[in-house]
Amino acid sequence: MTIDSKQVQALMRGLAIAGLVALLAACATKPEIRTQTAPALDILKYQSFGFVEHPDTDKAGYTTLTTRYLKDAVTREMLSRGYTQSGQPDLLINFSAGSKDKVEGNPWPDVGVGWGRYSRGWGWGGTFGGRDIRTVTEGSLTIDVVDQQHRELIWSGTAKGRVTGKDEDNPQPAIDKAVSAIFEKYPKQPLVANVANK
């Protein structure tokens, strides 16, 4: 049996399409980031930050490891933007986190590659179908930034995404990544002068 270059190209094109479908399905598991900003926000008037006394992640009445990891990650992000940490801050930061199980079903390619004799020569065939049904855990993390003086929310960022067993066993890297992704959407501000004067 001989295979000409057109048949090879058709086969490669079919496999590339199957790979693309799988890649898009994998991308769907990355965290989704959403933010809200107060109308007419003047971010330049804020220069210091601190944390609320009892974050929502400490509902049990004690400081959780999640809260410690969140404080460390948020402190890095705020300091890198020129803020200073203070006992009398302009901004107070709160966290909330949650998770829920949900059933997902994604179409996956059932690619059958084969050669056969057709009326006009050799060819290949492929089909797309089947479903992958599973229960997954979706986690969410929200960071609220509040004007201390007026007790008003000025900015909020939320990350939602799949939580794996690895994340549950060692949450700090996942928390660091989520916080970093949320703060990529934080309002820009020229506080470089404060950093340079330190």
N, C-alpha and C. Protein backbone atom coordinates (compact mmCIF):
# COMPACT_ATOMS: atom_id res chain seq x y z
N MET A 1 0.85 -1.19 0.00
CA MET A 1 0.00 0.00 0.00
C MET A 1 0.89 1.24 0.00
N THR A 2 0.59 2.17 -0.88
CA THR A 2 1.35 3.42 -0.93
C THR A 2 0.44 4.56 -0.52
N ILE A 3 1.02 5.53 0.17
CA ILE A 3 0.28 6.70 0.64
C ILE A 3 0.90 7.92 0.01
N ASP A 4 0.10 8.70 -0.67
CA ASP A 4 0.66 9.88 -1.31
C ASP A 4 0.68 11.07 -0.33
N SER A 5 1.30 12.15 -0.74
CA SER A 5 1.49 13.31 0.15
C SER A 5 0.17 13.97 0.52
N LYS A 6 -0.81 13.94 -0.35
CA LYS A 6 -2.11 14.54 -0.02
C LYS A 6 -2.80 13.78 1.10
N GLN A 7 -2.66 12.47 1.09
CA GLN A 7 -3.26 11.67 2.15
C GLN A 7 -2.56 11.93 3.48
N VAL A 8 -1.24 12.05 3.44
CA VAL A 8 -0.49 12.36 4.66
C VAL A 8 -0.90 13.73 5.20
N GLN A 9 -1.05 14.72 4.32
CA GLN A 9 -1.47 16.06 4.75
C GLN A 9 -2.86 16.02 5.37
N ALA A 10 -3.77 15.26 4.76
CA ALA A 10 -5.13 15.14 5.30
C ALA A 10 -5.10 14.50 6.68
N LEU A 11 -4.29 13.48 6.86
CA LEU A 11 -4.16 12.82 8.16
C LEU A 11 -3.60 13.78 9.20
N MET A 12 -2.55 14.51 8.86
CA MET A 12 -1.93 15.45 9.78
C MET A 12 -2.89 16.56 10.16
N ARG A 13 -3.67 17.04 9.19
CA ARG A 13 -4.65 18.09 9.45
C ARG A 13 -5.70 17.59 10.45
N GLY A 14 -6.15 16.36 10.28
CA GLY A 14 -7.14 15.78 11.19
C GLY A 14 -6.60 15.63 12.60
N LEU A 15 -5.37 15.17 12.72
CA LEU A 15 -4.75 15.03 14.05
C LEU A 15 -4.52 16.39 14.69
N ALA A 16 -4.18 17.39 13.90
CA ALA A 16 -3.99 18.75 14.44
C ALA A 16 -5.30 19.29 15.00
N ILE A 17 -6.40 19.04 14.30
CA ILE A 17 -7.70 19.51 14.79
C ILE A 17 -8.04 18.82 16.10
N ALA A 18 -7.80 17.52 16.19
CA ALA A 18 -8.06 16.79 17.43
C ALA A 18 -7.22 17.35 18.57
N GLY A 19 -5.94 17.63 18.30
CA GLY A 19 -5.07 18.21 19.33
C GLY A 19 -5.55 19.58 19.78
N LEU A 20 -6.04 20.38 18.83
CA LEU A 20 -6.54 21.71 19.17
C LEU A 20 -7.75 21.64 20.07
N VAL A 21 -8.66 20.70 19.80
CA VAL A 21 -9.84 20.54 20.65
C VAL A 21 -9.42 20.18 22.07
N ALA A 22 -8.46 19.26 22.20
CA ALA A 22 -7.98 18.87 23.52
C ALA A 22 -7.32 20.03 24.23
N LEU A 23 -6.56 20.85 23.50
CA LEU A 23 -5.89 22.00 24.08
C LEU A 23 -6.89 23.02 24.60
N LEU A 24 -7.93 23.29 23.84
CA LEU A 24 -8.95 24.25 24.28
C LEU A 24 -9.67 23.74 25.52
N ALA A 25 -9.92 22.46 25.58
CA ALA A 25 -10.56 21.89 26.76
C ALA A 25 -9.68 22.06 27.99
N ALA A 26 -8.35 21.89 27.81
CA ALA A 26 -7.42 22.07 28.93
C ALA A 26 -7.37 23.52 29.38
N CYS A 27 -7.43 24.46 28.42
CA CYS A 27 -7.38 25.88 28.77
C CYS A 27 -8.59 26.31 29.58
N ALA A 28 -9.70 25.60 29.41
CA ALA A 28 -10.91 25.97 30.12
C ALA A 28 -10.78 25.79 31.62
N THR A 29 -9.74 25.06 32.09
CA THR A 29 -9.58 24.83 33.52
C THR A 29 -8.76 25.93 34.21
N LYS A 30 -8.22 26.89 33.47
CA LYS A 30 -7.46 27.97 34.08
C LYS A 30 -8.40 28.88 34.86
N PRO A 31 -7.89 29.53 35.93
CA PRO A 31 -8.78 30.38 36.72
C PRO A 31 -9.38 31.52 35.88
N GLU A 32 -10.61 31.79 36.17
CA GLU A 32 -11.30 32.92 35.55
C GLU A 32 -11.24 34.08 36.54
N ILE A 33 -10.79 35.25 36.07
CA ILE A 33 -10.64 36.41 36.94
C ILE A 33 -11.70 37.45 36.60
N ARG A 34 -12.36 37.94 37.65
CA ARG A 34 -13.34 39.02 37.48
C ARG A 34 -13.07 40.09 38.52
N THR A 35 -13.24 41.33 38.13
CA THR A 35 -13.01 42.43 39.06
C THR A 35 -14.15 43.43 39.00
N GLN A 36 -14.26 44.20 40.09
CA GLN A 36 -15.20 45.32 40.16
C GLN A 36 -14.44 46.52 40.72
N THR A 37 -14.70 47.68 40.15
CA THR A 37 -14.04 48.90 40.60
C THR A 37 -15.10 49.95 40.91
N ALA A 38 -14.93 50.66 42.02
CA ALA A 38 -15.87 51.71 42.39
C ALA A 38 -15.86 52.81 41.32
N PRO A 39 -17.01 53.40 41.04
CA PRO A 39 -17.06 54.49 40.05
C PRO A 39 -16.20 55.67 40.52
N ALA A 40 -15.55 56.30 39.57
CA ALA A 40 -14.73 57.49 39.85
C ALA A 40 -13.68 57.23 40.93
N LEU A 41 -13.07 56.05 40.89
CA LEU A 41 -12.05 55.71 41.87
C LEU A 41 -10.79 56.55 41.65
N ASP A 42 -10.34 57.22 42.72
CA ASP A 42 -9.08 57.96 42.69
C ASP A 42 -8.05 57.15 43.46
N ILE A 43 -7.40 56.23 42.78
CA ILE A 43 -6.48 55.30 43.44
C ILE A 43 -5.25 56.01 44.00
N LEU A 44 -4.94 57.20 43.48
CA LEU A 44 -3.73 57.91 43.90
C LEU A 44 -3.78 58.43 45.33
N LYS A 45 -4.98 58.55 45.89
CA LYS A 45 -5.06 59.11 47.25
C LYS A 45 -4.75 58.09 48.34
N TYR A 46 -4.58 56.84 47.96
CA TYR A 46 -4.29 55.78 48.94
C TYR A 46 -2.81 55.42 48.90
N GLN A 47 -2.20 55.35 50.09
CA GLN A 47 -0.77 55.04 50.13
C GLN A 47 -0.40 53.93 51.10
N SER A 48 -1.34 53.50 51.95
CA SER A 48 -1.01 52.46 52.92
C SER A 48 -2.12 51.42 52.98
N PHE A 49 -1.77 50.26 53.47
CA PHE A 49 -2.76 49.18 53.55
C PHE A 49 -2.58 48.38 54.83
N GLY A 50 -3.62 47.67 55.17
CA GLY A 50 -3.61 46.73 56.30
C GLY A 50 -4.71 45.71 56.06
N PHE A 51 -4.92 44.86 57.03
CA PHE A 51 -5.92 43.80 56.88
C PHE A 51 -7.02 43.95 57.91
N VAL A 52 -8.23 43.55 57.53
CA VAL A 52 -9.34 43.59 58.50
C VAL A 52 -8.98 42.68 59.67
N GLU A 53 -9.54 42.98 60.82
CA GLU A 53 -9.17 42.24 62.03
C GLU A 53 -9.55 40.76 61.95
N HIS A 54 -10.72 40.49 61.41
CA HIS A 54 -11.19 39.11 61.29
C HIS A 54 -11.61 38.83 59.85
N PRO A 55 -10.67 38.41 58.99
CA PRO A 55 -11.04 38.12 57.60
C PRO A 55 -12.08 37.02 57.52
N ASP A 56 -12.80 36.99 56.43
CA ASP A 56 -13.83 35.96 56.24
C ASP A 56 -13.24 34.56 56.21
N THR A 57 -11.94 34.44 55.93
CA THR A 57 -11.30 33.12 55.92
C THR A 57 -11.01 32.62 57.34
N ASP A 58 -11.31 33.44 58.35
CA ASP A 58 -11.11 33.05 59.76
C ASP A 58 -12.44 32.93 60.50
N LYS A 59 -13.45 32.38 59.86
CA LYS A 59 -14.77 32.28 60.48
C LYS A 59 -14.78 31.42 61.72
N ALA A 60 -13.80 30.53 61.85
CA ALA A 60 -13.77 29.64 63.00
C ALA A 60 -13.27 30.35 64.27
N GLY A 61 -12.80 31.60 64.13
CA GLY A 61 -12.37 32.34 65.31
C GLY A 61 -10.88 32.31 65.56
N TYR A 62 -10.12 31.72 64.66
CA TYR A 62 -8.66 31.70 64.78
C TYR A 62 -8.07 31.92 63.39
N THR A 63 -6.79 32.28 63.37
CA THR A 63 -6.12 32.54 62.09
C THR A 63 -5.78 31.23 61.41
N THR A 64 -6.33 31.03 60.23
CA THR A 64 -6.09 29.80 59.48
C THR A 64 -4.81 29.91 58.66
N LEU A 65 -4.33 28.76 58.20
CA LEU A 65 -3.17 28.77 57.31
C LEU A 65 -3.51 29.48 56.01
N THR A 66 -4.74 29.33 55.54
CA THR A 66 -5.17 30.03 54.31
C THR A 66 -5.01 31.52 54.47
N THR A 67 -5.43 32.06 55.63
CA THR A 67 -5.30 33.50 55.88
C THR A 67 -3.83 33.92 55.90
N ARG A 68 -2.99 33.12 56.54
CA ARG A 68 -1.55 33.47 56.57
C ARG A 68 -0.97 33.51 55.17
N TYR A 69 -1.30 32.50 54.33
CA TYR A 69 -0.78 32.48 52.96
C TYR A 69 -1.32 33.67 52.17
N LEU A 70 -2.59 33.98 52.37
CA LEU A 70 -3.19 35.12 51.65
C LEU A 70 -2.54 36.44 52.07
N LYS A 71 -2.33 36.62 53.35
CA LYS A 71 -1.70 37.86 53.82
C LYS A 71 -0.30 38.02 53.24
N ASP A 72 0.46 36.93 53.22
CA ASP A 72 1.82 36.99 52.66
C ASP A 72 1.77 37.37 51.18
N ALA A 73 0.90 36.71 50.42
CA ALA A 73 0.82 36.96 48.98
C ALA A 73 0.33 38.36 48.67
N VAL A 74 -0.70 38.82 49.40
CA VAL A 74 -1.25 40.16 49.15
C VAL A 74 -0.25 41.23 49.58
N THR A 75 0.46 40.99 50.68
CA THR A 75 1.48 41.96 51.12
C THR A 75 2.53 42.14 50.03
N ARG A 76 2.99 41.05 49.43
CA ARG A 76 3.98 41.16 48.33
C ARG A 76 3.42 42.00 47.19
N GLU A 77 2.17 41.75 46.83
CA GLU A 77 1.56 42.48 45.71
C GLU A 77 1.41 43.97 46.03
N MET A 78 0.97 44.28 47.21
CA MET A 78 0.75 45.69 47.58
C MET A 78 2.08 46.44 47.71
N LEU A 79 3.07 45.81 48.34
CA LEU A 79 4.38 46.46 48.47
C LEU A 79 5.00 46.72 47.09
N SER A 80 4.80 45.78 46.16
CA SER A 80 5.37 45.95 44.82
C SER A 80 4.70 47.09 44.06
N ARG A 81 3.53 47.51 44.53
CA ARG A 81 2.82 48.64 43.89
C ARG A 81 3.06 49.95 44.63
N GLY A 82 3.99 49.95 45.58
CA GLY A 82 4.38 51.20 46.23
C GLY A 82 3.64 51.52 47.51
N TYR A 83 2.75 50.65 47.96
CA TYR A 83 2.04 50.89 49.22
C TYR A 83 2.95 50.54 50.40
N THR A 84 2.63 51.10 51.55
CA THR A 84 3.32 50.72 52.78
C THR A 84 2.29 50.06 53.71
N GLN A 85 2.75 49.10 54.50
CA GLN A 85 1.85 48.44 55.45
C GLN A 85 1.81 49.27 56.72
N SER A 86 0.61 49.46 57.26
CA SER A 86 0.45 50.38 58.38
C SER A 86 -0.61 49.87 59.35
N GLY A 87 -0.46 50.28 60.61
CA GLY A 87 -1.48 50.00 61.63
C GLY A 87 -2.67 50.92 61.49
N GLN A 88 -2.51 52.05 60.82
CA GLN A 88 -3.59 53.01 60.53
C GLN A 88 -3.67 53.20 59.01
N PRO A 89 -4.09 52.19 58.29
CA PRO A 89 -3.98 52.23 56.83
C PRO A 89 -5.10 53.01 56.14
N ASP A 90 -4.81 53.44 54.92
CA ASP A 90 -5.85 54.03 54.07
C ASP A 90 -6.79 52.95 53.55
N LEU A 91 -6.22 51.76 53.31
CA LEU A 91 -6.99 50.67 52.73
C LEU A 91 -6.97 49.45 53.65
N LEU A 92 -8.13 48.82 53.79
CA LEU A 92 -8.24 47.56 54.51
C LEU A 92 -8.54 46.45 53.51
N ILE A 93 -7.93 45.30 53.73
CA ILE A 93 -8.11 44.19 52.80
C ILE A 93 -8.74 43.00 53.51
N ASN A 94 -9.72 42.42 52.84
CA ASN A 94 -10.42 41.25 53.36
C ASN A 94 -10.35 40.14 52.32
N PHE A 95 -10.47 38.88 52.78
CA PHE A 95 -10.47 37.73 51.87
C PHE A 95 -11.70 36.88 52.15
N SER A 96 -12.17 36.22 51.13
CA SER A 96 -13.15 35.16 51.32
C SER A 96 -12.83 34.06 50.31
N ALA A 97 -13.05 32.84 50.73
CA ALA A 97 -12.76 31.70 49.87
C ALA A 97 -13.84 30.66 50.05
N GLY A 98 -14.09 29.92 49.01
CA GLY A 98 -15.09 28.86 49.08
C GLY A 98 -14.87 27.84 48.00
N SER A 99 -15.59 26.74 48.10
CA SER A 99 -15.49 25.71 47.07
C SER A 99 -16.82 24.99 46.97
N LYS A 100 -17.06 24.40 45.81
CA LYS A 100 -18.27 23.60 45.61
C LYS A 100 -17.95 22.53 44.57
N ASP A 101 -18.64 21.42 44.71
CA ASP A 101 -18.49 20.34 43.74
C ASP A 101 -19.51 20.53 42.63
N LYS A 102 -19.10 20.22 41.42
CA LYS A 102 -20.05 20.29 40.32
C LYS A 102 -19.72 19.21 39.30
N VAL A 103 -20.74 18.83 38.57
CA VAL A 103 -20.59 17.81 37.55
C VAL A 103 -20.30 18.49 36.23
N GLU A 104 -19.26 18.01 35.55
CA GLU A 104 -18.88 18.57 34.26
C GLU A 104 -18.95 17.50 33.20
N GLY A 105 -19.26 17.93 32.00
CA GLY A 105 -19.23 17.04 30.85
C GLY A 105 -18.64 17.78 29.68
N ASN A 106 -17.52 17.32 29.20
CA ASN A 106 -16.86 17.95 28.06
C ASN A 106 -16.83 17.00 26.88
N PRO A 107 -17.12 17.52 25.70
CA PRO A 107 -16.96 16.66 24.52
C PRO A 107 -15.47 16.46 24.25
N TRP A 108 -15.09 15.23 24.05
CA TRP A 108 -13.71 14.93 23.73
C TRP A 108 -13.66 14.28 22.36
N PRO A 109 -12.62 14.50 21.65
CA PRO A 109 -12.56 13.91 20.31
C PRO A 109 -12.34 12.41 20.39
N ASP A 110 -13.18 11.66 19.70
CA ASP A 110 -12.92 10.24 19.47
C ASP A 110 -12.36 10.17 18.06
N VAL A 111 -11.07 10.23 17.97
CA VAL A 111 -10.46 10.26 16.64
C VAL A 111 -10.08 8.84 16.27
N GLY A 112 -10.71 8.37 15.23
CA GLY A 112 -10.35 7.07 14.71
C GLY A 112 -9.61 7.27 13.41
N VAL A 113 -8.38 6.87 13.38
CA VAL A 113 -7.60 7.06 12.17
C VAL A 113 -7.43 5.70 11.51
N GLY A 114 -7.79 5.63 10.28
CA GLY A 114 -7.65 4.37 9.57
C GLY A 114 -7.61 4.61 8.08
N TRP A 115 -7.07 3.66 7.42
CA TRP A 115 -6.99 3.75 5.96
C TRP A 115 -7.96 2.76 5.37
N GLY A 116 -8.63 3.18 4.32
CA GLY A 116 -9.56 2.26 3.68
C GLY A 116 -9.67 2.58 2.20
N ARG A 117 -10.15 1.62 1.49
CA ARG A 117 -10.30 1.79 0.05
C ARG A 117 -11.67 2.38 -0.22
N TYR A 118 -11.71 3.57 -0.81
CA TYR A 118 -12.96 4.22 -1.18
C TYR A 118 -13.07 4.21 -2.69
N SER A 119 -14.19 4.67 -3.15
CA SER A 119 -14.43 4.65 -4.60
C SER A 119 -13.41 5.49 -5.36
N ARG A 120 -12.83 6.49 -4.69
CA ARG A 120 -11.88 7.37 -5.39
C ARG A 120 -10.47 7.21 -4.85
N GLY A 121 -10.18 6.15 -4.15
CA GLY A 121 -8.83 5.94 -3.67
C GLY A 121 -8.80 5.73 -2.17
N TRP A 122 -7.59 5.83 -1.62
CA TRP A 122 -7.41 5.65 -0.18
C TRP A 122 -7.77 6.91 0.56
N GLY A 123 -8.16 6.76 1.84
CA GLY A 123 -8.48 7.94 2.65
C GLY A 123 -8.45 7.59 4.12
N TRP A 124 -8.71 8.57 4.96
CA TRP A 124 -8.74 8.35 6.40
C TRP A 124 -10.03 8.91 6.94
N GLY A 125 -10.38 8.47 8.14
CA GLY A 125 -11.63 8.95 8.73
C GLY A 125 -11.45 9.25 10.19
N GLY A 126 -12.23 10.16 10.71
CA GLY A 126 -12.19 10.50 12.13
C GLY A 126 -13.56 10.95 12.57
N THR A 127 -13.87 10.76 13.85
CA THR A 127 -15.16 11.20 14.38
C THR A 127 -14.93 11.96 15.67
N PHE A 128 -15.84 12.87 15.97
CA PHE A 128 -15.82 13.59 17.23
C PHE A 128 -17.08 13.22 17.99
N GLY A 129 -16.93 12.81 19.21
CA GLY A 129 -18.10 12.43 19.97
C GLY A 129 -17.69 11.99 21.35
N GLY A 130 -18.60 11.38 22.07
CA GLY A 130 -18.31 10.93 23.42
C GLY A 130 -18.34 12.07 24.41
N ARG A 131 -18.49 11.74 25.69
CA ARG A 131 -18.50 12.76 26.72
C ARG A 131 -17.70 12.26 27.90
N ASP A 132 -17.01 13.16 28.54
CA ASP A 132 -16.24 12.83 29.73
C ASP A 132 -17.00 13.45 30.90
N ILE A 133 -17.75 12.66 31.64
CA ILE A 133 -18.56 13.16 32.75
C ILE A 133 -17.80 12.89 34.04
N ARG A 134 -17.66 13.93 34.86
CA ARG A 134 -16.93 13.79 36.11
C ARG A 134 -17.37 14.85 37.10
N THR A 135 -17.08 14.61 38.38
CA THR A 135 -17.33 15.60 39.43
C THR A 135 -16.02 16.30 39.74
N VAL A 136 -16.04 17.62 39.72
CA VAL A 136 -14.84 18.40 40.02
C VAL A 136 -15.16 19.41 41.12
N THR A 137 -14.11 19.86 41.79
CA THR A 137 -14.27 20.88 42.82
C THR A 137 -13.85 22.22 42.24
N GLU A 138 -14.75 23.19 42.31
CA GLU A 138 -14.45 24.54 41.84
C GLU A 138 -14.23 25.43 43.05
N GLY A 139 -13.09 26.09 43.09
CA GLY A 139 -12.78 26.99 44.19
C GLY A 139 -12.89 28.44 43.76
N SER A 140 -13.18 29.31 44.72
CA SER A 140 -13.21 30.74 44.43
C SER A 140 -12.49 31.49 45.54
N LEU A 141 -11.79 32.52 45.15
CA LEU A 141 -11.08 33.39 46.09
C LEU A 141 -11.42 34.83 45.73
N THR A 142 -11.89 35.58 46.72
CA THR A 142 -12.21 36.99 46.51
C THR A 142 -11.37 37.85 47.43
N ILE A 143 -10.79 38.90 46.88
CA ILE A 143 -10.02 39.87 47.65
C ILE A 143 -10.74 41.20 47.55
N ASP A 144 -11.16 41.75 48.69
CA ASP A 144 -11.84 43.05 48.74
C ASP A 144 -10.89 44.10 49.29
N VAL A 145 -10.85 45.24 48.63
CA VAL A 145 -10.04 46.37 49.08
C VAL A 145 -11.00 47.49 49.46
N VAL A 146 -10.92 47.92 50.73
CA VAL A 146 -11.92 48.83 51.31
C VAL A 146 -11.27 50.14 51.74
N ASP A 147 -11.95 51.24 51.44
CA ASP A 147 -11.54 52.56 51.95
C ASP A 147 -11.79 52.57 53.45
N GLN A 148 -10.71 52.65 54.23
CA GLN A 148 -10.82 52.57 55.69
C GLN A 148 -11.66 53.71 56.27
N GLN A 149 -11.45 54.92 55.80
CA GLN A 149 -12.13 56.08 56.37
C GLN A 149 -13.64 56.04 56.10
N HIS A 150 -14.02 55.73 54.88
CA HIS A 150 -15.44 55.75 54.52
C HIS A 150 -16.12 54.40 54.61
N ARG A 151 -15.33 53.35 54.91
CA ARG A 151 -15.87 51.99 55.00
C ARG A 151 -16.63 51.61 53.72
N GLU A 152 -15.98 51.87 52.58
CA GLU A 152 -16.58 51.57 51.28
C GLU A 152 -15.64 50.69 50.47
N LEU A 153 -16.22 49.72 49.79
CA LEU A 153 -15.45 48.87 48.90
C LEU A 153 -15.03 49.69 47.68
N ILE A 154 -13.72 49.70 47.38
CA ILE A 154 -13.27 50.44 46.20
C ILE A 154 -12.85 49.50 45.06
N TRP A 155 -12.47 48.27 45.42
CA TRP A 155 -12.06 47.32 44.38
C TRP A 155 -12.20 45.90 44.91
N SER A 156 -12.58 45.00 44.02
CA SER A 156 -12.72 43.61 44.40
C SER A 156 -12.28 42.73 43.23
N GLY A 157 -11.54 41.69 43.52
CA GLY A 157 -11.10 40.75 42.49
C GLY A 157 -11.40 39.33 42.92
N THR A 158 -11.91 38.54 41.98
CA THR A 158 -12.27 37.14 42.27
C THR A 158 -11.63 36.21 41.25
N ALA A 159 -11.06 35.12 41.75
CA ALA A 159 -10.54 34.06 40.89
C ALA A 159 -11.37 32.81 41.11
N LYS A 160 -11.80 32.19 40.00
CA LYS A 160 -12.54 30.93 40.08
C LYS A 160 -11.84 29.91 39.21
N GLY A 161 -11.71 28.70 39.72
CA GLY A 161 -11.07 27.66 38.93
C GLY A 161 -11.14 26.32 39.62
N ARG A 162 -10.68 25.31 38.91
CA ARG A 162 -10.72 23.95 39.42
C ARG A 162 -9.67 23.76 40.51
N VAL A 163 -10.04 23.06 41.57
CA VAL A 163 -9.13 22.74 42.67
C VAL A 163 -8.77 21.27 42.56
N THR A 164 -7.48 20.98 42.49
CA THR A 164 -7.03 19.60 42.38
C THR A 164 -6.65 19.06 43.76
N GLY A 165 -6.47 17.76 43.83
CA GLY A 165 -6.01 17.15 45.08
C GLY A 165 -4.66 17.70 45.50
N LYS A 166 -3.80 17.99 44.52
CA LYS A 166 -2.49 18.56 44.81
C LYS A 166 -2.62 19.93 45.45
N ASP A 167 -3.59 20.74 44.96
CA ASP A 167 -3.83 22.06 45.56
C ASP A 167 -4.30 21.94 47.00
N GLU A 168 -5.14 20.94 47.26
CA GLU A 168 -5.66 20.76 48.62
C GLU A 168 -4.57 20.30 49.57
N ASP A 169 -3.65 19.47 49.08
CA ASP A 169 -2.56 18.98 49.93
C ASP A 169 -1.52 20.06 50.20
N ASN A 170 -1.30 20.94 49.23
CA ASN A 170 -0.30 22.00 49.37
C ASN A 170 -0.86 23.29 48.77
N PRO A 171 -1.70 24.01 49.53
CA PRO A 171 -2.44 25.15 48.95
C PRO A 171 -1.62 26.41 48.69
N GLN A 172 -0.47 26.58 49.33
CA GLN A 172 0.25 27.85 49.21
C GLN A 172 0.61 28.22 47.77
N PRO A 173 1.17 27.32 46.95
CA PRO A 173 1.48 27.72 45.56
C PRO A 173 0.24 28.12 44.77
N ALA A 174 -0.87 27.41 44.99
CA ALA A 174 -2.11 27.75 44.28
C ALA A 174 -2.63 29.11 44.73
N ILE A 175 -2.52 29.41 46.03
CA ILE A 175 -2.95 30.71 46.55
C ILE A 175 -2.08 31.82 45.97
N ASP A 176 -0.76 31.60 45.95
CA ASP A 176 0.15 32.61 45.38
C ASP A 176 -0.21 32.92 43.93
N LYS A 177 -0.47 31.86 43.14
CA LYS A 177 -0.81 32.07 41.73
C LYS A 177 -2.13 32.80 41.57
N ALA A 178 -3.12 32.43 42.38
CA ALA A 178 -4.43 33.07 42.29
C ALA A 178 -4.35 34.54 42.66
N VAL A 179 -3.63 34.85 43.73
CA VAL A 179 -3.49 36.25 44.16
C VAL A 179 -2.76 37.07 43.09
N SER A 180 -1.69 36.49 42.54
CA SER A 180 -0.96 37.18 41.48
C SER A 180 -1.85 37.45 40.27
N ALA A 181 -2.66 36.46 39.88
CA ALA A 181 -3.57 36.63 38.74
C ALA A 181 -4.62 37.70 39.02
N ILE A 182 -5.13 37.73 40.23
CA ILE A 182 -6.12 38.75 40.60
C ILE A 182 -5.50 40.14 40.52
N PHE A 183 -4.30 40.29 41.07
CA PHE A 183 -3.68 41.62 41.12
C PHE A 183 -3.16 42.10 39.76
N GLU A 184 -3.10 41.21 38.79
CA GLU A 184 -2.79 41.69 37.43
C GLU A 184 -3.87 42.65 36.93
N LYS A 185 -5.07 42.56 37.53
CA LYS A 185 -6.19 43.42 37.13
C LYS A 185 -6.35 44.63 38.06
N TYR A 186 -5.46 44.78 39.02
CA TYR A 186 -5.57 45.89 39.97
C TYR A 186 -5.30 47.21 39.25
N PRO A 187 -6.02 48.28 39.64
CA PRO A 187 -5.81 49.58 38.96
C PRO A 187 -4.36 50.02 39.03
N LYS A 188 -3.86 50.51 37.92
CA LYS A 188 -2.48 50.99 37.86
C LYS A 188 -2.36 52.33 38.57
N GLN A 189 -1.19 52.54 39.18
CA GLN A 189 -0.97 53.80 39.87
C GLN A 189 0.51 54.15 39.88
N PRO A 190 0.84 55.42 39.68
CA PRO A 190 2.25 55.82 39.67
C PRO A 190 2.78 56.11 41.07
N LEU A 191 2.97 55.08 41.89
CA LEU A 191 3.51 55.28 43.23
C LEU A 191 4.99 54.92 43.28
N VAL A 192 5.65 54.97 42.13
CA VAL A 192 7.07 54.61 42.06
C VAL A 192 7.92 55.54 42.90
N ALA A 193 7.51 56.79 43.02
CA ALA A 193 8.28 57.77 43.80
C ALA A 193 8.40 57.32 45.25
N ASN A 194 7.35 56.73 45.80
CA ASN A 194 7.40 56.26 47.18
C ASN A 194 8.41 55.13 47.33
N VAL A 195 8.48 54.24 46.33
CA VAL A 195 9.43 53.14 46.39
C VAL A 195 10.85 53.67 46.29
N ALA A 196 11.08 54.65 45.41
CA ALA A 196 12.43 55.20 45.18
C ALA A 196 12.95 55.92 46.42
N ASN A 197 12.05 56.51 47.24
CA ASN A 197 12.49 57.28 48.40
C ASN A 197 12.78 56.41 49.61
N LYS A 198 12.53 55.09 49.51
CA LYS A 198 12.76 54.23 50.66
C LYS A 198 14.23 53.93 50.82
